[in-house]
Protein backbone atom coordinates (compact mmCIF):
# COMPACT_ATOMS: atom_id res chain seq x y z
CA MET A 1 14.89 27.98 16.78
CA THR A 2 13.66 31.51 17.27
CA PRO A 3 10.00 32.45 16.77
CA ASP A 4 11.01 34.25 13.55
CA ASP A 5 12.30 30.97 12.11
CA ARG A 6 8.88 29.35 12.28
CA PRO A 7 6.98 29.55 8.98
CA ARG A 8 4.01 31.43 10.39
CA ALA A 9 1.15 31.57 7.95
CA ALA A 10 -2.49 32.40 7.76
CA VAL A 11 -3.07 29.01 6.14
CA GLN A 12 -5.86 27.01 7.72
CA TYR A 13 -6.65 23.34 7.32
CA ARG A 14 -9.81 21.58 8.40
CA THR A 15 -10.07 18.42 6.32
CA LEU A 16 -7.92 15.33 5.94
CA ARG A 17 -9.23 13.09 3.19
CA LEU A 18 -8.36 9.94 1.30
CA CYS A 19 -6.62 10.69 -2.01
CA SER A 20 -8.44 9.88 -5.22
CA ASN A 21 -6.17 6.88 -5.87
CA GLY A 22 -6.67 5.56 -2.31
CA GLY A 23 -2.92 5.34 -1.67
CA GLY A 24 -2.69 8.00 1.01
CA TYR A 25 -4.32 10.93 2.73
CA GLU A 26 -4.14 14.58 1.81
CA ALA A 27 -4.73 17.83 3.60
CA LEU A 28 -5.62 20.82 1.47
CA PRO A 29 -5.70 24.40 2.72
CA ASP A 30 -9.10 26.06 3.05
CA ARG A 31 -7.99 28.77 0.63
CA ARG A 32 -5.24 29.09 -1.95
CA ALA A 33 -1.94 29.22 -0.08
CA SER A 34 1.74 29.69 -0.66
CA LEU A 35 4.10 28.19 1.89
CA ASP A 36 7.62 29.49 2.40
CA LEU A 37 9.34 26.15 1.82
CA PRO A 38 12.85 27.31 2.79
CA ARG A 39 11.46 28.48 6.12
CA CYS A 40 9.53 25.22 6.53
CA ARG A 41 12.73 23.31 5.82
CA ARG A 42 14.65 25.23 8.48
CA ALA A 43 11.91 24.63 11.05
CA LEU A 44 11.75 20.90 10.31
CA GLU A 45 15.54 20.51 10.31
CA ALA A 46 15.73 22.39 13.64
CA ALA A 47 13.27 19.79 15.00
CA GLY A 48 15.57 17.01 13.77
CA ARG A 49 13.35 15.80 10.92
CA PRO A 50 15.11 14.41 7.83
CA ILE A 51 14.12 16.42 4.73
CA ILE A 52 14.52 16.03 0.98
CA ASP A 53 14.23 19.46 -0.63
CA ALA A 54 12.97 19.26 -4.23
CA ARG A 55 12.58 23.07 -4.49
CA VAL A 56 8.82 23.03 -5.19
CA MET A 57 8.13 20.47 -2.47
CA LEU A 58 9.62 19.02 0.69
CA ILE A 59 9.61 15.33 1.53
CA VAL A 60 9.62 14.81 5.28
CA GLN A 61 10.58 11.52 6.88
CA LEU A 62 8.03 10.95 9.62
CA PRO A 63 5.97 7.93 10.21
CA PRO A 64 4.62 8.18 7.46
CA GLU A 65 6.55 9.96 4.70
CA VAL A 66 4.92 13.33 3.96
CA THR A 67 5.17 15.57 0.90
CA ILE A 68 4.57 19.29 1.45
CA SER A 69 3.91 21.35 -1.67
CA GLN A 70 4.50 25.04 -2.20
CA GLY A 71 0.74 25.42 -2.63
CA GLY A 72 0.14 24.17 0.92
CA ARG A 73 -0.94 20.59 0.13
CA PHE A 74 0.25 17.83 2.46
CA LEU A 75 0.31 14.25 1.16
CA PHE A 76 0.65 11.45 3.72
CA LYS A 77 1.87 8.15 2.26
CA THR A 78 -0.23 5.87 4.42
CA ARG A 79 -3.63 4.22 4.27
CA ASP A 80 -3.98 4.58 8.05
CA PRO A 81 -6.15 7.65 8.72
CA GLU A 82 -5.08 7.96 12.35
CA LEU A 83 -1.38 7.85 11.47
CA ALA A 84 -1.97 10.58 8.87
CA ARG A 85 -3.93 12.64 11.38
CA ALA A 86 -1.20 12.35 14.04
CA ALA A 87 1.53 13.28 11.54
CA PHE A 88 -0.51 16.25 10.34
CA ALA A 89 -1.03 17.53 13.88
CA GLN A 90 2.70 17.19 14.51
CA LEU A 91 3.57 19.12 11.32
CA LEU A 92 1.08 21.88 12.06
CA GLY A 93 2.80 22.43 15.41
CA LEU A 94 6.32 22.32 13.99
CA LEU A 95 5.44 24.71 11.18
CA GLY A 96 3.28 27.10 13.21
CA LEU A 97 0.23 26.61 10.98
CA ASP A 98 -3.43 26.68 12.01
CA GLY A 99 -5.71 23.73 11.77
CA SER A 100 -8.58 22.01 13.43
CA LEU A 101 -9.40 18.80 11.63
CA ALA A 102 -12.69 17.08 11.16
CA PRO A 103 -12.45 13.26 11.29
CA PRO A 104 -10.61 11.85 8.25
CA GLN A 105 -12.91 11.31 5.28
CA GLY A 106 -12.81 8.15 3.19
CA ARG A 107 -14.23 7.67 -0.27
């Protein structure tokens, strides 16, 4: 993968929090964002990650399963905050996004 294939973005993330239904964790961008999902898909496929492309979102098979929306939201299908945090850090690196997370927040 060349540096131009990485979905560079000025999207920043700082918080990983428990979803309102308690079924997973979510990371929301600090500001309104728009991710280039085709570019994200290419970067993840180049890293050998299985992807389901639903046009307006990507579903990535990591431990855990992760949904990435066009608006920059990441949804981690796990109740384990450390697993979500580790998967998020991995995705930030693969996608070339910025982020420094505070400890996961529960409700």
